[in-house]
Amino acid sequence: MYLLDSDICIEIMRGRLPVAQELMRKTSPELFGIPAIVEAELRYGAENSDNPEEGRYCVESLLAPLSIVPFDSRCAGFYAKLRADLKRRGSMIGPNDLLIAATALANGATLVTNNVREFSRIKGLTLESWAQVEWKS
């Protein structure tokens, strides 16, 4: 399963990642999900935009075919271990990013993000960036 980070979702909604849109169209929707934290970030972005109605429409259109992956007790366990490890190493990441990483790890998912630099601090987290990918049909 691939979990999409906020930055990827925003690029898709803006039409800047046609390869991601094409990939998602040509493969099974069950392969893609959105962490609940990312959903919250996207919905906040829509409400905080100059045109909330349009923002809400864009978010709903993106989310419609995707599953929302909840932050549950398993995720909380991963979160606690990750946060303690990062604190010990003096290498903390943003609080929402930590919740997103814990969700990906708890679900054995690959996190798709353009923020590889920050997320690469998480041991064992599988990452992909679609920023430079070209679609070959």
C-alpha atoms as a PDB file:
ATOM      1  CA  MET A   1       0.000   0.000   0.000  1.00  0.00           C
ATOM      2  CA  TYR A   2       1.079   3.562  -0.720  1.00  0.00           C
ATOM      3  CA  LEU A   3       0.187   6.341   1.719  1.00  0.00           C
ATOM      4  CA  LEU A   4       0.254   9.827   0.244  1.00  0.00           C
ATOM      5  CA  ASP A   5       1.765  12.702   2.221  1.00  0.00           C
ATOM      6  CA  SER A   6       0.191  16.165   2.189  1.00  0.00           C
ATOM      7  CA  ASP A   7       2.714  17.636  -0.236  1.00  0.00           C
ATOM      8  CA  ILE A   8       1.978  14.942  -2.817  1.00  0.00           C
ATOM      9  CA  CYS A   9      -1.785  15.429  -2.408  1.00  0.00           C
ATOM     10  CA  ILE A  10      -1.438  19.176  -2.900  1.00  0.00           C
ATOM     11  CA  GLU A  11       0.650  18.699  -6.046  1.00  0.00           C
ATOM     12  CA  ILE A  12      -1.938  16.246  -7.420  1.00  0.00           C
ATOM     13  CA  MET A  13      -4.809  18.665  -6.689  1.00  0.00           C
ATOM     14  CA  ARG A  14      -2.914  21.455  -8.463  1.00  0.00           C
ATOM     15  CA  GLY A  15      -2.308  19.240 -11.502  1.00  0.00           C
ATOM     16  CA  ARG A  16       1.465  19.379 -11.046  1.00  0.00           C
ATOM     17  CA  LEU A  17       2.013  15.629 -10.811  1.00  0.00           C
ATOM     18  CA  PRO A  18       0.379  14.191 -13.922  1.00  0.00           C
ATOM     19  CA  VAL A  19       2.403  11.004 -13.481  1.00  0.00           C
ATOM     20  CA  ALA A  20       0.775  10.450 -10.079  1.00  0.00           C
ATOM     21  CA  GLN A  21      -2.677  11.066 -11.500  1.00  0.00           C
ATOM     22  CA  GLU A  22      -1.987   8.638 -14.348  1.00  0.00           C
ATOM     23  CA  LEU A  23      -0.566   5.999 -12.010  1.00  0.00           C
ATOM     24  CA  MET A  24      -3.572   6.259  -9.707  1.00  0.00           C
ATOM     25  CA  ARG A  25      -5.962   5.998 -12.681  1.00  0.00           C
ATOM     26  CA  LYS A  26      -4.261   2.912 -14.109  1.00  0.00           C
ATOM     27  CA  THR A  27      -3.923   0.932 -10.874  1.00  0.00           C
ATOM     28  CA  SER A  28      -6.249  -0.322  -8.189  1.00  0.00           C
ATOM     29  CA  PRO A  29      -7.512   2.400  -5.823  1.00  0.00           C
ATOM     30  CA  GLU A  30      -6.992  -0.012  -2.914  1.00  0.00           C
ATOM     31  CA  LEU A  31      -3.235   0.446  -3.358  1.00  0.00           C
ATOM     32  CA  PHE A  32      -3.456   4.081  -2.246  1.00  0.00           C
ATOM     33  CA  GLY A  33      -4.479   5.612   1.039  1.00  0.00           C
ATOM     34  CA  ILE A  34      -4.336   8.838   2.976  1.00  0.00           C
ATOM     35  CA  PRO A  35      -3.342   8.947   6.646  1.00  0.00           C
ATOM     36  CA  ALA A  36      -6.086  10.594   8.713  1.00  0.00           C
ATOM     37  CA  ILE A  37      -3.541  13.259   9.726  1.00  0.00           C
ATOM     38  CA  VAL A  38      -3.041  14.157   6.049  1.00  0.00           C
ATOM     39  CA  GLU A  39      -6.800  14.383   5.585  1.00  0.00           C
ATOM     40  CA  ALA A  40      -6.909  16.841   8.500  1.00  0.00           C
ATOM     41  CA  GLU A  41      -4.086  18.917   6.982  1.00  0.00           C
ATOM     42  CA  LEU A  42      -5.827  19.025   3.595  1.00  0.00           C
ATOM     43  CA  ARG A  43      -9.174  19.991   5.102  1.00  0.00           C
ATOM     44  CA  TYR A  44      -7.505  22.725   7.159  1.00  0.00           C
ATOM     45  CA  GLY A  45      -5.778  24.028   4.026  1.00  0.00           C
ATOM     46  CA  ALA A  46      -9.121  24.183   2.218  1.00  0.00           C
ATOM     47  CA  GLU A  47     -10.834  26.043   5.073  1.00  0.00           C
ATOM     48  CA  ASN A  48      -7.918  28.454   5.417  1.00  0.00           C
ATOM     49  CA  SER A  49      -7.738  29.232   1.678  1.00  0.00           C
ATOM     50  CA  ASP A  50      -9.028  32.283  -0.173  1.00  0.00           C
ATOM     51  CA  ASN A  51     -11.798  30.121  -1.645  1.00  0.00           C
ATOM     52  CA  PRO A  52     -12.859  27.486   0.937  1.00  0.00           C
ATOM     53  CA  GLU A  53     -15.685  26.150  -1.236  1.00  0.00           C
ATOM     54  CA  GLU A  54     -13.328  25.389  -4.121  1.00  0.00           C
ATOM     55  CA  GLY A  55     -10.744  24.018  -1.688  1.00  0.00           C
ATOM     56  CA  ARG A  56     -13.281  21.649  -0.127  1.00  0.00           C
ATOM     57  CA  TYR A  57     -14.323  20.456  -3.593  1.00  0.00           C
ATOM     58  CA  CYS A  58     -10.696  19.724  -4.557  1.00  0.00           C
ATOM     59  CA  VAL A  59     -10.063  17.830  -1.320  1.00  0.00           C
ATOM     60  CA  GLU A  60     -13.270  15.788  -1.652  1.00  0.00           C
ATOM     61  CA  SER A  61     -12.425  14.941  -5.274  1.00  0.00           C
ATOM     62  CA  LEU A  62      -8.977  13.714  -4.279  1.00  0.00           C
ATOM     63  CA  LEU A  63     -10.195  11.725  -1.267  1.00  0.00           C
ATOM     64  CA  ALA A  64     -13.223  10.100  -2.946  1.00  0.00           C
ATOM     65  CA  PRO A  65     -11.464   7.037  -4.438  1.00  0.00           C
ATOM     66  CA  LEU A  66      -8.948   6.637  -1.602  1.00  0.00           C
ATOM     67  CA  SER A  67      -9.145   4.946   1.762  1.00  0.00           C
ATOM     68  CA  ILE A  68      -8.506   7.010   4.875  1.00  0.00           C
ATOM     69  CA  VAL A  69      -6.101   5.181   7.174  1.00  0.00           C
ATOM     70  CA  PRO A  70      -6.921   5.964  10.815  1.00  0.00           C
ATOM     71  CA  PHE A  71      -4.452   6.718  13.574  1.00  0.00           C
ATOM     72  CA  ASP A  72      -5.186   3.826  15.929  1.00  0.00           C
ATOM     73  CA  SER A  73      -3.562   2.106  18.925  1.00  0.00           C
ATOM     74  CA  ARG A  74      -0.985   0.344  16.738  1.00  0.00           C
ATOM     75  CA  CYS A  75      -0.009   3.694  15.249  1.00  0.00           C
ATOM     76  CA  ALA A  76       0.233   5.145  18.767  1.00  0.00           C
ATOM     77  CA  GLY A  77       2.716   2.429  19.721  1.00  0.00           C
ATOM     78  CA  PHE A  78       4.888   3.183  16.704  1.00  0.00           C
ATOM     79  CA  TYR A  79       4.589   6.911  17.411  1.00  0.00           C
ATOM     80  CA  ALA A  80       5.847   6.512  20.991  1.00  0.00           C
ATOM     81  CA  LYS A  81       8.883   4.477  19.917  1.00  0.00           C
ATOM     82  CA  LEU A  82       9.701   6.761  16.992  1.00  0.00           C
ATOM     83  CA  ARG A  83       9.439   9.934  19.033  1.00  0.00           C
ATOM     84  CA  ALA A  84      11.619   8.523  21.825  1.00  0.00           C
ATOM     85  CA  ASP A  85      14.222   7.332  19.298  1.00  0.00           C
ATOM     86  CA  LEU A  86      14.318  10.662  17.461  1.00  0.00           C
ATOM     87  CA  LYS A  87      14.559  12.585  20.729  1.00  0.00           C
ATOM     88  CA  ARG A  88      17.469  10.411  21.907  1.00  0.00           C
ATOM     89  CA  ARG A  89      19.249  11.031  18.604  1.00  0.00           C
ATOM     90  CA  GLY A  90      18.476  14.771  18.659  1.00  0.00           C
ATOM     91  CA  SER A  91      16.845  14.451  15.256  1.00  0.00           C
ATOM     92  CA  MET A  92      13.180  15.363  15.760  1.00  0.00           C
ATOM     93  CA  ILE A  93      10.778  15.943  12.894  1.00  0.00           C
ATOM     94  CA  GLY A  94       7.515  17.902  12.805  1.00  0.00           C
ATOM     95  CA  PRO A  95       4.688  16.570  14.987  1.00  0.00           C
ATOM     96  CA  ASN A  96       2.303  15.848  12.109  1.00  0.00           C
ATOM     97  CA  ASP A  97       5.077  14.209  10.100  1.00  0.00           C
ATOM     98  CA  LEU A  98       5.804  11.959  13.063  1.00  0.00           C
ATOM     99  CA  LEU A  99       2.126  10.898  13.206  1.00  0.00           C
ATOM    100  CA  ILE A 100       2.135  10.270   9.444  1.00  0.00           C
ATOM    101  CA  ALA A 101       5.323   8.180   9.653  1.00  0.00           C
ATOM    102  CA  ALA A 102       3.889   6.128  12.529  1.00  0.00           C
ATOM    103  CA  THR A 103       0.750   5.462  10.472  1.00  0.00           C
ATOM    104  CA  ALA A 104       2.820   4.265   7.506  1.00  0.00           C
ATOM    105  CA  LEU A 105       4.995   1.991   9.642  1.00  0.00           C
ATOM    106  CA  ALA A 106       2.054   0.523  11.563  1.00  0.00           C
ATOM    107  CA  ASN A 107       0.371  -0.370   8.279  1.00  0.00           C
ATOM    108  CA  GLY A 108       3.478  -1.637   6.471  1.00  0.00           C
ATOM    109  CA  ALA A 109       2.982   1.050   3.835  1.00  0.00           C
ATOM    110  CA  THR A 110       5.310   3.032   1.603  1.00  0.00           C
ATOM    111  CA  LEU A 111       5.048   6.759   2.248  1.00  0.00           C
ATOM    112  CA  VAL A 112       4.971   8.833  -0.935  1.00  0.00           C
ATOM    113  CA  THR A 113       6.390  12.283  -0.206  1.00  0.00           C
ATOM    114  CA  ASN A 114       8.603  14.985  -1.618  1.00  0.00           C
ATOM    115  CA  ASN A 115       9.832  15.629   1.931  1.00  0.00           C
ATOM    116  CA  VAL A 116      12.329  12.766   1.828  1.00  0.00           C
ATOM    117  CA  ARG A 117      14.933  14.706   3.801  1.00  0.00           C
ATOM    118  CA  GLU A 118      12.765  14.905   6.921  1.00  0.00           C
ATOM    119  CA  PHE A 119      11.180  11.461   6.699  1.00  0.00           C
ATOM    120  CA  SER A 120      14.509   9.728   6.004  1.00  0.00           C
ATOM    121  CA  ARG A 121      15.347  10.231   9.693  1.00  0.00           C
ATOM    122  CA  ILE A 122      12.810   7.499  10.510  1.00  0.00           C
ATOM    123  CA  LYS A 123      14.475   4.097  10.676  1.00  0.00           C
ATOM    124  CA  GLY A 124      12.658   1.424   8.702  1.00  0.00           C
ATOM    125  CA  LEU A 125      10.276   3.788   6.889  1.00  0.00           C
ATOM    126  CA  THR A 126       9.986   3.034   3.167  1.00  0.00           C
ATOM    127  CA  LEU A 127       9.806   6.229   1.102  1.00  0.00           C
ATOM    128  CA  GLU A 128       9.112   7.152  -2.505  1.00  0.00           C
ATOM    129  CA  SER A 129       9.171  10.535  -4.188  1.00  0.00           C
ATOM    130  CA  TRP A 130       7.136  10.952  -7.351  1.00  0.00           C
ATOM    131  CA  ALA A 131       8.486  14.412  -8.126  1.00  0.00           C
ATOM    132  CA  GLN A 132      10.936  13.252 -10.794  1.00  0.00           C
ATOM    133  CA  VAL A 133       9.096  10.155 -12.054  1.00  0.00           C
ATOM    134  CA  GLU A 134       8.083   9.991 -15.700  1.00  0.00           C
ATOM    135  CA  TRP A 135       5.181   7.812 -16.833  1.00  0.00           C
ATOM    136  CA  LYS A 136       6.026   5.195 -19.457  1.00  0.00           C
ATOM    137  CA  SER A 137       2.927   3.680 -21.065  1.00  0.00           C
END
